[in-house]
């Protein structure tokens, strides 16, 4: 299956959009954070916001976003097929953070500390599909993180995650972006 969008960033952290990019050209060697999400391409209303925050990220917070298309199946079969595609992108030593409304709530400073504590590893954030992920993928995750008790559209979750990564970076830098 072809991925819809791969957003790798250069060594300097400046982004460039590469549609239909070759996974063998992945920027994982350059960066430490990858966001894997199931769904459709960014909708027009959310794309500028996501790119705004991803472009501002610098090593070691620089990130790439990989959007894998929805399964053609529904229910359990979709969850299984999508989780297998996500699993195929993971390495055994990745630090995996799964976003799920049943996860643990983290404050922005806690997220910044979590990333900083594990920055020597490849950190992978996962946003599953509409049917969630399998229990195997959930168990593979080092942290299951909830943005809120509310359920958000996946497009909005991407934007919130991109902003929270930028906020985590700025907390780490000690800038005035975040006010405690």
C-alpha atoms as a PDB file:
ATOM      1  CA  UNK A   1       0.000   0.000   0.000  1.00  0.00           C
ATOM      2  CA  UNK A   2       1.209   3.464  -0.816  1.00  0.00           C
ATOM      3  CA  UNK A   3       1.467   6.038   1.905  1.00  0.00           C
ATOM      4  CA  UNK A   4      -0.371   9.268   1.248  1.00  0.00           C
ATOM      5  CA  UNK A   5       2.163  11.654   2.598  1.00  0.00           C
ATOM      6  CA  UNK A   6       5.608  11.513   4.029  1.00  0.00           C
ATOM      7  CA  UNK A   7       6.934  14.689   5.593  1.00  0.00           C
ATOM      8  CA  UNK A   8      10.658  14.244   6.185  1.00  0.00           C
ATOM      9  CA  UNK A   9      12.746  17.109   7.453  1.00  0.00           C
ATOM     10  CA  UNK A  10      16.320  17.849   6.468  1.00  0.00           C
ATOM     11  CA  UNK A  11      19.296  17.854   8.848  1.00  0.00           C
ATOM     12  CA  UNK A  12      18.736  21.556   9.444  1.00  0.00           C
ATOM     13  CA  UNK A  13      15.157  20.844  10.441  1.00  0.00           C
ATOM     14  CA  UNK A  14      13.651  22.714   7.507  1.00  0.00           C
ATOM     15  CA  UNK A  15      10.822  20.722   6.023  1.00  0.00           C
ATOM     16  CA  UNK A  16       9.985  19.771   2.536  1.00  0.00           C
ATOM     17  CA  UNK A  17       6.827  18.063   1.367  1.00  0.00           C
ATOM     18  CA  UNK A  18       7.344  14.824  -0.515  1.00  0.00           C
ATOM     19  CA  UNK A  19       4.197  13.125  -1.756  1.00  0.00           C
ATOM     20  CA  UNK A  20       4.360   9.422  -2.528  1.00  0.00           C
ATOM     21  CA  UNK A  21       7.909   9.332  -1.243  1.00  0.00           C
ATOM     22  CA  UNK A  22       9.954   6.189  -1.243  1.00  0.00           C
ATOM     23  CA  UNK A  23      10.064   4.662   2.279  1.00  0.00           C
ATOM     24  CA  UNK A  24      13.695   3.671   1.636  1.00  0.00           C
ATOM     25  CA  UNK A  25      14.486   7.400   1.546  1.00  0.00           C
ATOM     26  CA  UNK A  26      13.098   7.824   5.044  1.00  0.00           C
ATOM     27  CA  UNK A  27      14.664  10.512   7.203  1.00  0.00           C
ATOM     28  CA  UNK A  28      14.728   8.293  10.293  1.00  0.00           C
ATOM     29  CA  UNK A  29      18.546   8.396  10.216  1.00  0.00           C
ATOM     30  CA  UNK A  30      18.367  12.181  10.556  1.00  0.00           C
ATOM     31  CA  UNK A  31      15.569  12.566  13.062  1.00  0.00           C
ATOM     32  CA  UNK A  32      14.426  11.009  16.254  1.00  0.00           C
ATOM     33  CA  UNK A  33      10.619  11.427  16.064  1.00  0.00           C
ATOM     34  CA  UNK A  34       8.184   9.835  13.635  1.00  0.00           C
ATOM     35  CA  UNK A  35       4.408  10.245  13.648  1.00  0.00           C
ATOM     36  CA  UNK A  36       2.551   7.346  12.023  1.00  0.00           C
ATOM     37  CA  UNK A  37      -1.119   7.975  11.418  1.00  0.00           C
ATOM     38  CA  UNK A  38      -3.899   6.139   9.621  1.00  0.00           C
ATOM     39  CA  UNK A  39      -6.273   8.186   7.514  1.00  0.00           C
ATOM     40  CA  UNK A  40      -6.660  10.416   4.541  1.00  0.00           C
ATOM     41  CA  UNK A  41      -4.461  13.269   3.389  1.00  0.00           C
ATOM     42  CA  UNK A  42      -4.537  16.423   5.470  1.00  0.00           C
ATOM     43  CA  UNK A  43      -7.686  18.390   4.766  1.00  0.00           C
ATOM     44  CA  UNK A  44      -7.232  21.957   3.550  1.00  0.00           C
ATOM     45  CA  UNK A  45      -8.368  23.523   6.830  1.00  0.00           C
ATOM     46  CA  UNK A  46      -5.782  21.657   8.942  1.00  0.00           C
ATOM     47  CA  UNK A  47      -2.755  21.313   6.653  1.00  0.00           C
ATOM     48  CA  UNK A  48      -1.294  24.829   7.153  1.00  0.00           C
ATOM     49  CA  UNK A  49      -1.429  24.452  10.942  1.00  0.00           C
ATOM     50  CA  UNK A  50       0.262  21.050  10.941  1.00  0.00           C
ATOM     51  CA  UNK A  51       2.996  22.229   8.596  1.00  0.00           C
ATOM     52  CA  UNK A  52       3.438  25.453  10.594  1.00  0.00           C
ATOM     53  CA  UNK A  53       4.410  23.508  13.710  1.00  0.00           C
ATOM     54  CA  UNK A  54       6.347  20.684  12.008  1.00  0.00           C
ATOM     55  CA  UNK A  55       8.489  23.244  10.152  1.00  0.00           C
ATOM     56  CA  UNK A  56       9.455  24.869  13.453  1.00  0.00           C
ATOM     57  CA  UNK A  57      10.783  21.669  15.008  1.00  0.00           C
ATOM     58  CA  UNK A  58      14.551  21.312  15.285  1.00  0.00           C
ATOM     59  CA  UNK A  59      16.698  18.363  16.262  1.00  0.00           C
ATOM     60  CA  UNK A  60      16.267  16.500  18.498  1.00  0.00           C
ATOM     61  CA  UNK A  61      12.533  17.335  18.244  1.00  0.00           C
ATOM     62  CA  UNK A  62      12.436  17.314  14.412  1.00  0.00           C
ATOM     63  CA  UNK A  63       9.710  14.986  13.215  1.00  0.00           C
ATOM     64  CA  UNK A  64       8.369  13.276  10.145  1.00  0.00           C
ATOM     65  CA  UNK A  65       4.712  12.395   9.619  1.00  0.00           C
ATOM     66  CA  UNK A  66       3.724   9.303   7.680  1.00  0.00           C
ATOM     67  CA  UNK A  67       0.074   9.000   6.709  1.00  0.00           C
ATOM     68  CA  UNK A  68      -1.035   5.487   5.803  1.00  0.00           C
ATOM     69  CA  UNK A  69      -4.415   5.125   4.067  1.00  0.00           C
ATOM     70  CA  UNK A  70      -7.423   3.578   5.772  1.00  0.00           C
ATOM     71  CA  UNK A  71      -7.995  -0.138   5.343  1.00  0.00           C
ATOM     72  CA  UNK A  72     -10.583  -1.136   2.758  1.00  0.00           C
ATOM     73  CA  UNK A  73     -12.100  -3.378   5.442  1.00  0.00           C
ATOM     74  CA  UNK A  74     -14.259  -2.450   8.413  1.00  0.00           C
ATOM     75  CA  UNK A  75     -14.271  -3.313  12.097  1.00  0.00           C
ATOM     76  CA  UNK A  76     -11.877  -5.945  13.420  1.00  0.00           C
ATOM     77  CA  UNK A  77     -10.411  -6.684   9.972  1.00  0.00           C
ATOM     78  CA  UNK A  78      -9.594  -3.001   9.468  1.00  0.00           C
ATOM     79  CA  UNK A  79      -8.040  -2.737  12.941  1.00  0.00           C
ATOM     80  CA  UNK A  80      -5.911  -5.836  12.272  1.00  0.00           C
ATOM     81  CA  UNK A  81      -4.768  -4.770   8.803  1.00  0.00           C
ATOM     82  CA  UNK A  82      -3.947  -1.182   9.835  1.00  0.00           C
ATOM     83  CA  UNK A  83      -2.097  -2.338  12.964  1.00  0.00           C
ATOM     84  CA  UNK A  84      -0.005  -4.747  10.863  1.00  0.00           C
ATOM     85  CA  UNK A  85       0.993  -1.885   8.556  1.00  0.00           C
ATOM     86  CA  UNK A  86       1.946   0.250  11.553  1.00  0.00           C
ATOM     87  CA  UNK A  87       3.872  -2.672  13.107  1.00  0.00           C
ATOM     88  CA  UNK A  88       5.851  -3.055   9.867  1.00  0.00           C
ATOM     89  CA  UNK A  89       7.189   0.490  10.414  1.00  0.00           C
ATOM     90  CA  UNK A  90       8.423  -0.168  13.958  1.00  0.00           C
ATOM     91  CA  UNK A  91      11.813  -1.382  15.124  1.00  0.00           C
ATOM     92  CA  UNK A  92      12.281  -3.396  18.304  1.00  0.00           C
ATOM     93  CA  UNK A  93      14.162  -0.560  20.034  1.00  0.00           C
ATOM     94  CA  UNK A  94      11.703   2.242  19.167  1.00  0.00           C
ATOM     95  CA  UNK A  95      10.088   4.144  22.031  1.00  0.00           C
ATOM     96  CA  UNK A  96       6.408   3.969  21.050  1.00  0.00           C
ATOM     97  CA  UNK A  97       3.746   6.420  22.217  1.00  0.00           C
ATOM     98  CA  UNK A  98       0.215   5.435  21.216  1.00  0.00           C
ATOM     99  CA  UNK A  99      -2.456   8.143  21.245  1.00  0.00           C
ATOM    100  CA  UNK A 100      -5.718   6.762  22.616  1.00  0.00           C
ATOM    101  CA  UNK A 101      -8.547   8.364  24.593  1.00  0.00           C
ATOM    102  CA  UNK A 102      -8.197   5.589  27.219  1.00  0.00           C
ATOM    103  CA  UNK A 103      -4.546   6.433  27.834  1.00  0.00           C
ATOM    104  CA  UNK A 104      -2.753   8.430  30.496  1.00  0.00           C
ATOM    105  CA  UNK A 105      -3.147  12.198  30.567  1.00  0.00           C
ATOM    106  CA  UNK A 106       0.151  14.090  30.349  1.00  0.00           C
ATOM    107  CA  UNK A 107       0.740  17.783  30.850  1.00  0.00           C
ATOM    108  CA  UNK A 108       2.830  19.611  28.270  1.00  0.00           C
ATOM    109  CA  UNK A 109       5.863  19.739  30.611  1.00  0.00           C
ATOM    110  CA  UNK A 110       5.469  15.988  31.274  1.00  0.00           C
ATOM    111  CA  UNK A 111       5.451  15.328  27.521  1.00  0.00           C
ATOM    112  CA  UNK A 112       8.552  17.475  27.077  1.00  0.00           C
ATOM    113  CA  UNK A 113      10.320  15.545  29.856  1.00  0.00           C
ATOM    114  CA  UNK A 114       9.218  12.198  28.406  1.00  0.00           C
ATOM    115  CA  UNK A 115      10.667  13.064  24.998  1.00  0.00           C
ATOM    116  CA  UNK A 116      13.847  14.450  26.515  1.00  0.00           C
ATOM    117  CA  UNK A 117      14.330  11.334  28.669  1.00  0.00           C
ATOM    118  CA  UNK A 118      14.053   9.069  25.607  1.00  0.00           C
ATOM    119  CA  UNK A 119      15.650  11.239  22.931  1.00  0.00           C
ATOM    120  CA  UNK A 120      18.490   8.731  22.550  1.00  0.00           C
ATOM    121  CA  UNK A 121      15.907   6.414  20.971  1.00  0.00           C
ATOM    122  CA  UNK A 122      13.753   6.709  17.904  1.00  0.00           C
ATOM    123  CA  UNK A 123      10.424   7.982  19.261  1.00  0.00           C
ATOM    124  CA  UNK A 124       7.308   6.950  17.343  1.00  0.00           C
ATOM    125  CA  UNK A 125       3.883   8.487  17.947  1.00  0.00           C
ATOM    126  CA  UNK A 126       0.975   6.407  16.628  1.00  0.00           C
ATOM    127  CA  UNK A 127      -2.484   7.686  15.765  1.00  0.00           C
ATOM    128  CA  UNK A 128      -4.547   4.610  14.900  1.00  0.00           C
ATOM    129  CA  UNK A 129      -7.490   4.380  12.548  1.00  0.00           C
ATOM    130  CA  UNK A 130     -11.197   4.759  13.240  1.00  0.00           C
ATOM    131  CA  UNK A 131     -11.355   1.249  14.744  1.00  0.00           C
ATOM    132  CA  UNK A 132      -8.304   1.712  16.944  1.00  0.00           C
ATOM    133  CA  UNK A 133      -5.340  -0.647  17.119  1.00  0.00           C
ATOM    134  CA  UNK A 134      -4.884  -4.265  18.115  1.00  0.00           C
ATOM    135  CA  UNK A 135      -4.016  -5.326  21.649  1.00  0.00           C
ATOM    136  CA  UNK A 136      -0.603  -6.445  20.329  1.00  0.00           C
ATOM    137  CA  UNK A 137       0.188  -2.924  19.121  1.00  0.00           C
ATOM    138  CA  UNK A 138      -1.159  -1.473  22.344  1.00  0.00           C
ATOM    139  CA  UNK A 139       1.138  -3.812  24.330  1.00  0.00           C
ATOM    140  CA  UNK A 140       4.122  -2.855  22.133  1.00  0.00           C
ATOM    141  CA  UNK A 141       3.565   0.766  23.129  1.00  0.00           C
ATOM    142  CA  UNK A 142       5.734   2.113  25.928  1.00  0.00           C
ATOM    143  CA  UNK A 143       3.147   4.772  26.764  1.00  0.00           C
ATOM    144  CA  UNK A 144      -0.543   5.078  25.886  1.00  0.00           C
ATOM    145  CA  UNK A 145      -1.262   8.807  25.943  1.00  0.00           C
ATOM    146  CA  UNK A 146      -4.644  10.499  25.976  1.00  0.00           C
ATOM    147  CA  UNK A 147      -4.915  14.072  24.760  1.00  0.00           C
ATOM    148  CA  UNK A 148      -8.273  14.305  26.532  1.00  0.00           C
ATOM    149  CA  UNK A 149     -11.241  12.262  27.693  1.00  0.00           C
ATOM    150  CA  UNK A 150     -12.959  13.674  24.630  1.00  0.00           C
ATOM    151  CA  UNK A 151     -12.685  11.983  21.233  1.00  0.00           C
ATOM    152  CA  UNK A 152     -11.306  14.216  18.469  1.00  0.00           C
ATOM    153  CA  UNK A 153     -11.313  13.849  14.674  1.00  0.00           C
ATOM    154  CA  UNK A 154      -8.009  12.371  13.470  1.00  0.00           C
ATOM    155  CA  UNK A 155      -7.260  15.497  11.431  1.00  0.00           C
ATOM    156  CA  UNK A 156      -7.476  17.609  14.591  1.00  0.00           C
ATOM    157  CA  UNK A 157      -5.354  15.123  16.580  1.00  0.00           C
ATOM    158  CA  UNK A 158      -2.545  15.561  14.023  1.00  0.00           C
ATOM    159  CA  UNK A 159      -2.656  19.323  14.506  1.00  0.00           C
ATOM    160  CA  UNK A 160      -2.755  19.063  18.308  1.00  0.00           C
ATOM    161  CA  UNK A 161       0.152  16.599  18.293  1.00  0.00           C
ATOM    162  CA  UNK A 162       2.241  18.828  16.000  1.00  0.00           C
ATOM    163  CA  UNK A 163       1.613  21.809  18.288  1.00  0.00           C
ATOM    164  CA  UNK A 164       2.394  19.784  21.416  1.00  0.00           C
ATOM    165  CA  UNK A 165       5.698  18.631  19.920  1.00  0.00           C
ATOM    166  CA  UNK A 166       6.579  22.245  19.207  1.00  0.00           C
ATOM    167  CA  UNK A 167       5.497  23.210  22.730  1.00  0.00           C
ATOM    168  CA  UNK A 168       7.610  20.365  24.188  1.00  0.00           C
ATOM    169  CA  UNK A 169      10.599  21.648  22.232  1.00  0.00           C
ATOM    170  CA  UNK A 170      10.061  25.179  23.494  1.00  0.00           C
ATOM    171  CA  UNK A 171       9.646  24.004  27.101  1.00  0.00           C
ATOM    172  CA  UNK A 172      12.928  22.127  26.742  1.00  0.00           C
ATOM    173  CA  UNK A 173      14.600  25.262  25.315  1.00  0.00           C
ATOM    174  CA  UNK A 174      13.211  27.431  28.120  1.00  0.00           C
ATOM    175  CA  UNK A 175      11.477  29.830  25.712  1.00  0.00           C
ATOM    176  CA  UNK A 176       8.441  31.916  26.610  1.00  0.00           C
ATOM    177  CA  UNK A 177       6.060  30.018  24.288  1.00  0.00           C
ATOM    178  CA  UNK A 178       4.695  27.933  27.179  1.00  0.00           C
ATOM    179  CA  UNK A 179       3.410  29.628  30.325  1.00  0.00           C
ATOM    180  CA  UNK A 180       3.014  27.368  33.347  1.00  0.00           C
END
